[in-house]
Amino acid sequence: MMVGLLLARAGVSTLVLEKHGDFLRDFRGDTVHPSTMEILDQLGMLDRFLERPHSRLTRANLTIAGQNLTFGELGHLNTPAPFIAMMPQWDFLDFLKTEAAEFPEFSIEMVSEVAGLIDHGGRITGVKLANGREILARKLIIMADGRKSLVRGQCLLPLTVLGAPMDVFWFRLPKRGQGGEALRGVVAAGSMMVMIDRNDYWQCAYIFPKGMADALRTEGIEAMRARIERLAPDLGSLDTLLTDMSQFFLLSVALDRLDRWDRPGLLAIGDAAHAMSPIGGIGINLAIQDAVAAANILAAPLRRSSNVDDLLFRVERRRRLPTRVIQAGQKLAQDRIIGAIFKPGAQIDRPPWVLRLLNRFPLLRRIPGRIVGLGVRRERVESPRA
């Protein structure tokens, strides 16, 4: 949606295809980081975005080995919105759709599932929809269809899998008391949970060793409820709040990236190019940065030329370092922290020294806050407005 908006804004005729009839799918990424709101500010859209209902996160807290720690803060960032805006993804997509509709070159077709790609002499020239219809692209196909992208499923581009030791169950709990604009994590040997303040409820992520989802479902709601109550006893009794395993939504965590993001006529961006771990909630924001880089590099050439194949590699080259740095940090956290928590027989007597250091010295908390909030080498809108 963002790359469609940016290209249409620059005068490039753009069609966005969405397979569903609406955007109402729950428990997707809902974090809009300061780096994304910088982009909205550059486009003159930030004030309208913030008029939509949202909650704000300014710091991250963690309870580990009985100690309460603060290890990340965002309020110091020199940026138009120094916080994470928690907004359901359907609201964010609807906002972008509304803004994009102001540009005559933008169009979107709902209920248009892409089932295949059209290859003509080694160049991708169009798409095949699930209803049998074919749509030809005069210049370029951009695949932003997530970690289950056709470019992955049809092995159109090489993939490197970095792996992840965990999966996640998402669920909701009503709030009792104030959250204080904070993300809260709770860690014990063998289990971990993250709670995100959503004004009148907590959006919770129960993190468990990869591949255990079916076993947890088989054990049933009573065992699951008991695990959560032991992990976060301050939540009180959950007997009337968690009553069925259908309340838990599985996120199968992946960490991987395409070795190459393009082939003639086609470019992959976002999760289609690099599936991110939920650590830091940075996936959407990295995808937005990809969209800005793609528009910056390709908008003007797309207006002038009928073939931009020789320029596509520049998008991946521009975004390669930020993607790999963030993924390296996520893998380090997975292997050194989460993997250690899930190790059989693990004992957690005290927090890791790094977390104790961040908690003790408030200035140091700005480092993870900056990395999560602004990322690495963030983009700025340079594509012209038609």
Protein backbone atom coordinates (compact mmCIF):
# COMPACT_ATOMS: atom_id res chain seq x y z
CA MET A 1 0.00 0.00 0.00
CA MET A 2 2.81 2.40 0.87
CA VAL A 3 4.80 1.79 -2.29
CA GLY A 4 1.60 2.15 -4.31
CA LEU A 5 0.90 5.47 -2.62
CA LEU A 6 4.43 6.75 -3.22
CA LEU A 7 4.56 5.71 -6.88
CA ALA A 8 1.11 7.15 -7.62
CA ARG A 9 2.14 10.37 -5.83
CA ALA A 10 5.09 10.54 -8.24
CA GLY A 11 2.79 10.13 -11.26
CA VAL A 12 3.31 6.40 -11.92
CA SER A 13 0.12 4.47 -12.69
CA THR A 14 -0.12 1.84 -9.93
CA LEU A 15 -2.59 -0.96 -9.18
CA VAL A 16 -2.62 -2.62 -5.73
CA LEU A 17 -4.16 -6.09 -5.54
CA GLU A 18 -5.58 -7.30 -2.20
CA LYS A 19 -6.95 -10.84 -1.96
CA HIS A 20 -9.43 -10.10 0.84
CA GLY A 21 -12.55 -7.96 0.79
CA ASP A 22 -11.35 -5.92 3.76
CA PHE A 23 -8.33 -5.58 6.05
CA LEU A 24 -9.99 -6.99 9.18
CA ARG A 25 -7.52 -9.65 10.25
CA ASP A 26 -6.57 -9.59 13.91
CA PHE A 27 -3.26 -10.17 15.66
CA ARG A 28 -1.04 -8.95 12.88
CA GLY A 29 1.72 -6.44 13.48
CA ASP A 30 0.22 -3.35 15.04
CA THR A 31 3.35 -1.34 15.86
CA VAL A 32 3.98 1.89 13.96
CA HIS A 33 7.46 3.05 14.93
CA PRO A 34 8.94 6.57 14.97
CA SER A 35 10.77 5.80 11.71
CA THR A 36 7.44 5.17 9.94
CA MET A 37 5.85 8.26 11.44
CA GLU A 38 8.81 10.28 10.14
CA ILE A 39 7.83 9.12 6.66
CA LEU A 40 4.22 10.12 7.27
CA ASP A 41 5.42 13.51 8.50
CA GLN A 42 7.49 14.01 5.35
CA LEU A 43 4.35 13.25 3.33
CA GLY A 44 2.27 15.72 5.36
CA MET A 45 0.09 12.89 6.72
CA LEU A 46 1.23 12.49 10.33
CA ASP A 47 -1.39 14.70 11.96
CA ARG A 48 -4.19 12.89 10.16
CA PHE A 49 -2.68 9.53 11.12
CA LEU A 50 -2.52 10.46 14.81
CA GLU A 51 -6.16 11.52 14.75
CA ARG A 52 -7.04 7.83 14.44
CA PRO A 53 -7.47 5.85 17.69
CA HIS A 54 -4.17 4.48 18.96
CA SER A 55 -2.16 3.92 22.12
CA ARG A 56 1.47 4.91 22.69
CA LEU A 57 4.50 3.03 23.97
CA THR A 58 7.51 4.99 25.20
CA ARG A 59 9.51 2.36 27.06
CA ALA A 60 10.03 -1.36 27.56
CA ASN A 61 9.97 -3.09 30.95
CA LEU A 62 10.96 -6.65 31.81
CA THR A 63 10.42 -8.80 34.89
CA ILE A 64 13.07 -11.50 35.14
CA ALA A 65 14.16 -13.53 38.16
CA GLY A 66 11.76 -11.44 40.22
CA GLN A 67 13.43 -8.15 39.30
CA ASN A 68 11.65 -5.36 37.42
CA LEU A 69 13.89 -3.73 34.81
CA THR A 70 13.54 -0.91 32.28
CA PHE A 71 15.79 -1.53 29.28
CA GLY A 72 14.57 0.70 26.45
CA GLU A 73 13.23 4.25 26.16
CA LEU A 74 11.99 6.24 23.16
CA GLY A 75 10.95 9.60 24.57
CA HIS A 76 14.36 11.20 23.91
CA LEU A 77 14.30 10.62 20.14
CA ASN A 78 14.60 13.77 18.03
CA THR A 79 11.77 12.88 15.71
CA PRO A 80 8.20 14.14 15.13
CA ALA A 81 6.67 11.23 17.09
CA PRO A 82 9.07 9.80 19.71
CA PHE A 83 6.91 6.81 20.60
CA ILE A 84 5.51 3.62 19.12
CA ALA A 85 1.91 4.06 18.00
CA MET A 86 -0.14 0.93 18.60
CA MET A 87 -2.80 0.88 15.91
CA PRO A 88 -4.57 -2.19 14.48
CA GLN A 89 -3.06 -2.93 11.11
CA TRP A 90 -6.45 -2.74 9.43
CA ASP A 91 -6.72 0.89 10.58
CA PHE A 92 -3.24 1.69 9.29
CA LEU A 93 -3.96 0.06 5.92
CA ASP A 94 -7.30 1.84 5.68
CA PHE A 95 -5.53 5.13 6.44
CA LEU A 96 -2.96 4.55 3.68
CA LYS A 97 -5.73 3.52 1.26
CA THR A 98 -7.63 6.74 2.01
CA GLU A 99 -4.52 8.88 1.55
CA ALA A 100 -3.50 7.07 -1.65
CA ALA A 101 -6.95 7.57 -3.15
CA GLU A 102 -6.17 11.30 -3.38
CA PHE A 103 -3.72 10.55 -6.22
CA PRO A 104 -5.34 9.88 -9.61
CA GLU A 105 -2.67 7.36 -10.63
CA PHE A 106 -3.53 5.08 -7.67
CA SER A 107 -6.06 2.26 -7.87
CA ILE A 108 -6.79 -0.81 -5.75
CA GLU A 109 -8.78 -3.97 -6.40
CA MET A 110 -10.08 -5.90 -3.41
CA VAL A 111 -10.96 -9.62 -3.54
CA SER A 112 -8.19 -10.08 -6.11
CA GLU A 113 -5.99 -12.97 -5.01
CA VAL A 114 -2.84 -13.44 -7.07
CA ALA A 115 -2.38 -17.16 -7.68
CA GLY A 116 0.50 -17.11 -10.16
CA LEU A 117 2.90 -15.04 -12.21
CA ILE A 118 3.12 -14.77 -15.98
CA ASP A 119 6.59 -15.49 -17.33
CA HIS A 120 7.25 -14.41 -20.92
CA GLY A 121 10.68 -15.35 -22.19
CA GLY A 122 12.26 -15.24 -18.71
CA ARG A 123 10.66 -11.92 -17.73
CA ILE A 124 7.69 -11.57 -15.36
CA THR A 125 5.06 -9.64 -17.30
CA GLY A 126 1.86 -10.05 -15.29
CA VAL A 127 -0.16 -11.98 -12.72
CA LYS A 128 -2.83 -14.66 -12.77
CA LEU A 129 -5.69 -14.22 -10.32
CA ALA A 130 -7.40 -17.08 -8.50
CA ASN A 131 -10.55 -16.48 -10.59
CA GLY A 132 -8.61 -17.11 -13.80
CA ARG A 133 -8.26 -13.49 -14.83
CA GLU A 134 -4.88 -12.25 -16.04
CA ILE A 135 -3.48 -8.75 -15.51
CA LEU A 136 -0.46 -7.62 -17.50
CA ALA A 137 2.03 -5.11 -16.14
CA ARG A 138 3.61 -2.74 -18.61
CA LYS A 139 6.69 -2.12 -16.48
CA LEU A 140 6.96 -3.89 -13.13
CA ILE A 141 5.42 -6.30 -10.61
CA ILE A 142 6.19 -5.58 -6.95
CA MET A 143 5.56 -8.53 -4.65
CA ALA A 144 4.67 -7.41 -1.11
CA ASP A 145 2.72 -10.56 -0.25
CA GLY A 146 4.45 -11.52 2.97
CA ARG A 147 6.46 -14.47 4.20
CA LYS A 148 4.29 -16.86 2.16
CA SER A 149 5.00 -14.91 -1.01
CA LEU A 150 4.70 -16.57 -4.40
CA VAL A 151 8.38 -15.82 -5.02
CA ARG A 152 9.12 -18.16 -2.11
CA GLY A 153 6.47 -20.78 -2.75
CA GLN A 154 7.44 -21.08 -6.40
CA CYS A 155 11.18 -20.86 -5.66
CA LEU A 156 11.59 -17.91 -8.01
CA LEU A 157 14.35 -16.38 -5.90
CA PRO A 158 16.95 -18.04 -3.61
CA LEU A 159 16.24 -18.03 0.13
CA THR A 160 18.51 -18.18 3.20
CA VAL A 161 16.85 -19.45 6.39
CA LEU A 162 18.33 -18.14 9.65
CA GLY A 163 15.89 -20.02 11.88
CA ALA A 164 13.96 -19.23 15.05
CA PRO A 165 13.73 -21.21 18.31
CA MET A 166 10.22 -20.10 19.22
CA ASP A 167 6.62 -19.64 18.17
CA VAL A 168 3.99 -17.33 19.66
CA PHE A 169 0.40 -17.55 20.84
CA TRP A 170 -1.36 -14.16 20.65
CA PHE A 171 -4.30 -13.50 22.96
CA ARG A 172 -6.02 -10.65 24.81
CA LEU A 173 -6.61 -9.88 28.47
CA PRO A 174 -8.55 -6.93 29.92
CA LYS A 175 -6.42 -4.45 31.80
CA ARG A 176 -6.57 -4.07 35.55
CA GLY A 177 -5.00 -0.76 36.43
CA GLN A 178 -2.78 1.37 34.23
CA GLY A 179 -0.19 0.18 31.73
CA GLY A 180 1.74 3.43 31.72
CA GLU A 181 2.63 3.55 28.00
CA ALA A 182 5.00 0.60 28.40
CA LEU A 183 5.65 -2.74 26.80
CA ARG A 184 5.97 -5.33 29.53
CA GLY A 185 7.86 -8.60 29.37
CA VAL A 186 7.85 -11.45 31.91
CA VAL A 187 10.49 -14.18 31.89
CA ALA A 188 10.86 -17.41 33.87
CA ALA A 189 12.77 -20.62 33.17
CA GLY A 190 11.12 -22.30 30.20
CA SER A 191 8.52 -19.61 29.52
CA MET A 192 8.17 -16.00 28.44
CA MET A 193 5.34 -13.56 27.80
CA VAL A 194 5.08 -10.04 26.38
CA MET A 195 2.18 -7.70 27.18
CA ILE A 196 1.46 -4.67 25.01
CA ASP A 197 -0.67 -1.85 26.39
CA ARG A 198 -3.71 -1.35 24.11
CA ASN A 199 -5.58 1.18 26.29
CA ASP A 200 -8.40 -1.01 27.60
CA TYR A 201 -6.72 -4.40 27.19
CA TRP A 202 -3.35 -6.15 27.04
CA GLN A 203 -2.34 -7.72 23.75
CA CYS A 204 -0.33 -10.68 24.98
CA ALA A 205 2.24 -12.90 23.32
CA TYR A 206 2.97 -16.20 25.05
CA ILE A 207 6.31 -17.40 23.67
CA PHE A 208 7.17 -21.10 23.63
CA PRO A 209 9.68 -23.48 21.97
CA LYS A 210 9.13 -23.88 18.26
CA GLY A 211 6.87 -26.72 17.22
CA MET A 212 5.05 -27.08 20.56
CA ALA A 213 1.77 -25.45 19.51
CA ASP A 214 -0.09 -28.71 18.95
CA ALA A 215 1.10 -30.13 22.27
CA LEU A 216 -0.04 -27.03 24.12
CA ARG A 217 -3.43 -27.18 22.42
CA THR A 218 -3.75 -30.87 23.34
CA GLU A 219 -3.01 -30.16 27.00
CA GLY A 220 -5.96 -27.79 26.99
CA ILE A 221 -7.03 -24.46 28.40
CA GLU A 222 -6.63 -25.32 32.09
CA ALA A 223 -2.93 -26.13 31.69
CA MET A 224 -2.40 -23.08 29.48
CA ARG A 225 -4.17 -20.81 31.93
CA ALA A 226 -2.08 -22.17 34.81
CA ARG A 227 1.14 -21.45 32.89
CA ILE A 228 0.15 -17.82 32.35
CA GLU A 229 -0.97 -17.36 35.96
CA ARG A 230 2.38 -18.70 37.24
CA LEU A 231 4.27 -16.46 34.85
CA ALA A 232 2.33 -13.29 35.71
CA PRO A 233 0.61 -13.80 39.09
CA ASP A 234 -0.25 -10.11 39.35
CA LEU A 235 -2.85 -10.66 36.62
CA GLY A 236 -4.92 -12.56 39.17
CA SER A 237 -7.22 -15.45 38.42
CA LEU A 238 -7.92 -15.93 34.71
CA ASP A 239 -10.68 -18.55 35.12
CA THR A 240 -13.35 -16.36 33.55
CA LEU A 241 -11.06 -14.65 31.04
CA LEU A 242 -9.29 -17.56 29.34
CA THR A 243 -11.87 -20.28 28.78
CA ASP A 244 -11.00 -21.90 25.44
CA MET A 245 -7.90 -22.54 23.33
CA SER A 246 -9.67 -20.85 20.41
CA GLN A 247 -8.72 -17.56 22.11
CA PHE A 248 -5.07 -18.22 21.19
CA PHE A 249 -3.80 -17.36 17.70
CA LEU A 250 -0.58 -18.98 16.48
CA LEU A 251 2.26 -16.98 14.94
CA SER A 252 4.83 -19.33 13.47
CA VAL A 253 8.01 -17.30 13.84
CA ALA A 254 10.43 -17.17 10.92
CA LEU A 255 13.71 -15.39 10.33
CA ASP A 256 14.99 -15.53 6.75
CA ARG A 257 15.79 -13.43 3.70
CA LEU A 258 16.00 -13.72 -0.05
CA ASP A 259 19.54 -13.75 -1.38
CA ARG A 260 18.27 -11.67 -4.28
CA TRP A 261 15.14 -9.52 -4.31
CA ASP A 262 14.59 -9.17 -8.05
CA ARG A 263 14.46 -10.83 -11.41
CA PRO A 264 13.45 -9.27 -14.74
CA GLY A 265 10.07 -7.62 -14.32
CA LEU A 266 9.73 -8.40 -10.60
CA LEU A 267 10.82 -6.94 -7.26
CA ALA A 268 10.11 -8.35 -3.76
CA ILE A 269 10.00 -6.09 -0.69
CA GLY A 270 8.91 -6.34 2.95
CA ASP A 271 8.30 -9.78 4.45
CA ALA A 272 8.33 -11.23 0.94
CA ALA A 273 12.04 -10.32 0.83
CA HIS A 274 12.90 -10.80 4.52
CA ALA A 275 10.76 -12.44 7.19
CA MET A 276 11.52 -10.82 10.53
CA SER A 277 11.26 -12.16 14.06
CA PRO A 278 8.64 -10.35 16.21
CA ILE A 279 11.49 -9.17 18.48
CA GLY A 280 11.24 -5.38 18.54
CA GLY A 281 8.05 -5.42 16.46
CA ILE A 282 10.04 -3.92 13.61
CA GLY A 283 8.78 -5.93 10.63
CA ILE A 284 6.16 -3.46 9.34
CA ASN A 285 8.54 -0.56 9.74
CA LEU A 286 11.35 -2.28 7.86
CA ALA A 287 8.86 -2.98 5.07
CA ILE A 288 7.85 0.70 4.96
CA GLN A 289 11.52 1.63 4.62
CA ASP A 290 11.79 -0.82 1.69
CA ALA A 291 8.80 0.87 0.05
CA VAL A 292 10.35 4.33 0.40
CA ALA A 293 13.69 3.11 -0.99
CA ALA A 294 11.93 1.44 -3.94
CA ALA A 295 9.98 4.61 -4.76
CA ASN A 296 13.06 6.82 -4.38
CA ILE A 297 15.06 4.66 -6.80
CA LEU A 298 12.36 3.68 -9.30
CA ALA A 299 9.69 6.41 -9.47
CA ALA A 300 11.39 8.77 -11.90
CA PRO A 301 12.77 5.98 -14.16
CA LEU A 302 9.32 4.34 -14.24
CA ARG A 303 7.83 7.55 -15.58
CA ARG A 304 10.48 7.80 -18.30
CA SER A 305 11.17 4.22 -19.34
CA SER A 306 9.22 1.09 -20.11
CA ASN A 307 11.94 -1.14 -18.59
CA VAL A 308 13.64 -0.64 -15.22
CA ASP A 309 15.00 -4.18 -14.84
CA ASP A 310 18.60 -2.96 -14.66
CA LEU A 311 17.74 -0.74 -11.67
CA LEU A 312 15.90 -3.25 -9.50
CA PHE A 313 19.04 -4.58 -7.81
CA ARG A 314 19.65 -1.13 -6.35
CA VAL A 315 16.67 -1.50 -4.02
CA GLU A 316 18.11 -4.64 -2.45
CA ARG A 317 21.57 -3.09 -2.34
CA ARG A 318 20.19 -0.04 -0.54
CA ARG A 319 18.24 -2.10 2.00
CA ARG A 320 20.69 -4.98 2.45
CA LEU A 321 22.69 -3.53 5.34
CA PRO A 322 19.71 -2.42 7.49
CA THR A 323 17.99 -5.77 6.95
CA ARG A 324 21.03 -7.85 7.84
CA VAL A 325 21.98 -5.73 10.86
CA ILE A 326 18.47 -5.99 12.34
CA GLN A 327 18.24 -9.70 11.58
CA ALA A 328 21.65 -10.29 13.15
CA GLY A 329 20.46 -8.54 16.31
CA GLN A 330 17.26 -10.58 16.34
CA LYS A 331 19.15 -13.83 15.87
CA LEU A 332 21.55 -12.91 18.67
CA ALA A 333 18.60 -12.27 21.00
CA GLN A 334 16.97 -15.53 19.90
CA ASP A 335 20.09 -17.61 20.43
CA ARG A 336 21.54 -15.99 23.55
CA ILE A 337 18.41 -15.03 25.48
CA ILE A 338 15.29 -16.83 24.26
CA GLY A 339 17.12 -20.03 23.36
CA ALA A 340 18.75 -20.05 26.81
CA ILE A 341 15.38 -19.61 28.51
CA PHE A 342 13.99 -22.64 26.68
CA LYS A 343 17.05 -24.83 27.28
CA PRO A 344 16.04 -27.95 29.30
CA GLY A 345 16.93 -27.52 32.94
CA ALA A 346 17.60 -23.79 32.55
CA GLN A 347 17.81 -21.79 35.76
CA ILE A 348 17.35 -18.03 35.79
CA ASP A 349 18.81 -16.71 39.04
CA ARG A 350 19.28 -13.12 37.95
CA PRO A 351 18.90 -10.97 34.82
CA PRO A 352 21.70 -10.96 32.22
CA TRP A 353 24.38 -8.35 32.93
CA VAL A 354 23.44 -6.32 29.84
CA LEU A 355 19.88 -5.84 31.07
CA ARG A 356 21.10 -4.96 34.55
CA LEU A 357 23.42 -2.35 33.03
CA LEU A 358 20.65 -0.80 30.92
CA ASN A 359 18.36 -0.67 33.94
CA ARG A 360 20.98 1.00 36.14
CA PHE A 361 22.02 3.75 33.73
CA PRO A 362 19.04 5.55 32.12
CA LEU A 363 21.19 7.09 29.37
CA LEU A 364 22.13 3.64 28.11
CA ARG A 365 18.45 2.75 27.65
CA ARG A 366 18.41 5.19 24.76
CA ILE A 367 20.56 2.84 22.67
CA PRO A 368 18.02 -0.01 22.24
CA GLY A 369 15.29 2.65 22.07
CA ARG A 370 16.98 4.29 19.11
CA ILE A 371 17.67 1.00 17.32
CA VAL A 372 14.07 -0.20 17.71
CA GLY A 373 12.47 3.20 17.12
CA LEU A 374 14.51 4.45 14.17
CA GLY A 375 16.24 1.35 12.85
CA VAL A 376 19.47 1.41 10.87
CA ARG A 377 20.03 3.97 8.09
CA ARG A 378 16.40 5.02 7.81
CA GLU A 379 15.02 6.31 4.53
CA ARG A 380 13.69 9.75 3.67
CA VAL A 381 11.07 10.41 0.98
CA GLU A 382 12.93 11.68 -2.11
CA SER A 383 10.60 10.48 -4.86
CA PRO A 384 9.11 13.56 -6.56
CA ARG A 385 5.48 14.51 -6.39
CA ALA A 386 3.86 14.73 -9.81
